[in-house]
Amino acid sequence: MARYHLPHDSPVCDLDDPRQLLALGLRPSDVVSRDYARSRAWALRIHRQGTWVGVRWWSYYDPEWASLGLWNPERLRLKEVTPLKLDDPALAEAARTIVRRIAPARG
C-alpha cells in the first residue's frame, strides 16, 4: 500500500463542492455514475479548462472516501510504502465497505 502527497497549491477540481457541480452543469448522479462514457466526457471538459491538475470526487462505495484523477502525476511525492497483508485491519474495513470477500491466493 502506498501513500502519496500532493502539494496543497495543486489546483484540483473538487466535485464534492456544489458550486463546482453547478458551474460545470453536473448533477451528483453524473459524477457517481458507472457510465464511463459520461465520466470521460465530464473529465475531458474539466481537463480542457486548463485550470486543474486533476479532479476529486466521492467514492461510489463510501462518500467519505475520495477518488482523485490526475492529468499528470508529476506533482505526487511518494511518502510511504507498506506491505499489504491479508489480516490488515484497513484491508478488512475496505472489503466490508465495498462488499468483497478476502481470500488467500490459491497456489
Protein backbone atom coordinates (compact mmCIF):
# COMPACT_ATOMS: atom_id res chain seq x y z
CA MET A 1 0.00 0.00 0.00
CA ALA A 2 1.41 3.41 -0.87
CA ARG A 3 0.73 6.87 0.50
CA TYR A 4 1.39 9.92 -1.65
CA HIS A 5 1.46 13.66 -1.04
CA LEU A 6 0.05 16.22 -3.47
CA PRO A 7 1.16 19.79 -2.66
CA HIS A 8 -1.63 21.95 -1.25
CA ASP A 9 -1.17 24.54 -4.00
CA SER A 10 -2.14 21.98 -6.67
CA PRO A 11 -5.48 23.09 -8.09
CA VAL A 12 -7.85 20.12 -8.02
CA CYS A 13 -11.43 20.46 -9.26
CA ASP A 14 -13.49 19.30 -6.28
CA LEU A 15 -16.75 17.74 -7.43
CA ASP A 16 -17.91 17.48 -3.81
CA ASP A 17 -18.37 21.26 -3.98
CA PRO A 18 -21.92 22.12 -5.11
CA ARG A 19 -20.65 25.34 -6.72
CA GLN A 20 -18.32 23.31 -8.97
CA LEU A 21 -21.15 20.99 -9.96
CA LEU A 22 -23.33 23.96 -10.80
CA ALA A 23 -20.56 25.69 -12.78
CA LEU A 24 -19.96 22.51 -14.77
CA GLY A 25 -23.64 21.73 -15.26
CA LEU A 26 -23.23 18.41 -13.46
CA ARG A 27 -25.55 16.57 -11.13
CA PRO A 28 -24.20 14.34 -8.34
CA SER A 29 -25.59 11.35 -10.24
CA ASP A 30 -23.43 12.33 -13.25
CA VAL A 31 -20.34 12.13 -11.09
CA VAL A 32 -21.02 8.84 -9.33
CA SER A 33 -22.47 7.09 -12.38
CA ARG A 34 -20.80 3.96 -13.65
CA ASP A 35 -21.44 5.14 -17.20
CA TYR A 36 -17.80 5.57 -18.18
CA ALA A 37 -18.58 7.40 -21.41
CA ARG A 38 -20.37 10.04 -19.33
CA SER A 39 -17.49 10.16 -16.82
CA ARG A 40 -14.92 10.56 -19.58
CA ALA A 41 -16.98 13.39 -21.09
CA TRP A 42 -17.10 15.48 -17.90
CA ALA A 43 -13.45 14.71 -17.13
CA LEU A 44 -12.44 15.90 -20.61
CA ARG A 45 -14.45 19.11 -20.15
CA ILE A 46 -12.67 19.78 -16.85
CA HIS A 47 -9.26 18.96 -18.34
CA ARG A 48 -9.81 21.30 -21.28
CA GLN A 49 -10.38 24.22 -18.91
CA GLY A 50 -6.61 24.15 -18.36
CA THR A 51 -7.05 25.24 -14.74
CA TRP A 52 -6.80 21.98 -12.85
CA VAL A 53 -4.14 19.33 -12.23
CA GLY A 54 -6.93 16.83 -11.72
CA VAL A 55 -10.35 16.15 -10.32
CA ARG A 56 -11.64 14.84 -6.99
CA TRP A 57 -14.98 13.17 -6.38
CA TRP A 58 -16.54 10.90 -3.79
CA SER A 59 -16.39 7.14 -3.96
CA TYR A 60 -19.28 5.11 -5.31
CA TYR A 61 -18.85 2.82 -2.29
CA ASP A 62 -18.48 5.35 0.51
CA PRO A 63 -18.84 9.13 0.21
CA GLU A 64 -16.22 9.55 2.95
CA TRP A 65 -13.65 8.13 0.53
CA ALA A 66 -12.28 10.39 -2.19
CA SER A 67 -11.29 9.38 -5.67
CA LEU A 68 -8.65 11.52 -7.33
CA GLY A 69 -7.78 11.56 -11.00
CA LEU A 70 -4.69 13.50 -12.03
CA TRP A 71 -3.85 14.53 -15.58
CA ASN A 72 -0.14 14.39 -14.80
CA PRO A 73 1.14 12.69 -11.63
CA GLU A 74 4.48 14.58 -11.59
CA ARG A 75 3.43 16.63 -8.54
CA LEU A 76 2.86 13.49 -6.46
CA ARG A 77 5.54 12.55 -3.96
CA LEU A 78 5.78 9.07 -2.51
CA LYS A 79 5.55 9.31 1.27
CA GLU A 80 5.33 5.73 2.47
CA VAL A 81 5.08 2.16 1.24
CA THR A 82 3.66 -0.53 3.49
CA PRO A 83 3.39 -4.20 2.51
CA LEU A 84 -0.28 -5.15 2.39
CA LYS A 85 -1.23 -8.20 4.46
CA LEU A 86 -4.49 -10.11 4.33
CA ASP A 87 -5.05 -9.58 8.06
CA ASP A 88 -4.54 -5.80 7.86
CA PRO A 89 -7.50 -4.06 9.62
CA ALA A 90 -7.62 -1.38 6.90
CA LEU A 91 -7.98 -4.07 4.23
CA ALA A 92 -10.73 -5.79 6.22
CA GLU A 93 -12.58 -2.48 6.62
CA ALA A 94 -12.24 -1.70 2.91
CA ALA A 95 -13.51 -5.18 2.00
CA ARG A 96 -16.57 -4.69 4.21
CA THR A 97 -17.25 -1.29 2.70
CA ILE A 98 -17.06 -2.46 -0.91
CA VAL A 99 -18.69 -5.81 -0.05
CA ARG A 100 -15.84 -8.05 -1.14
CA ARG A 101 -14.55 -11.24 0.44
CA ILE A 102 -10.82 -11.51 1.18
CA ALA A 103 -9.44 -14.89 0.23
CA PRO A 104 -5.83 -16.06 0.12
CA ALA A 105 -4.38 -16.71 -3.33
CA ARG A 106 -4.57 -20.28 -4.49
CA GLY A 107 -1.30 -21.65 -5.48
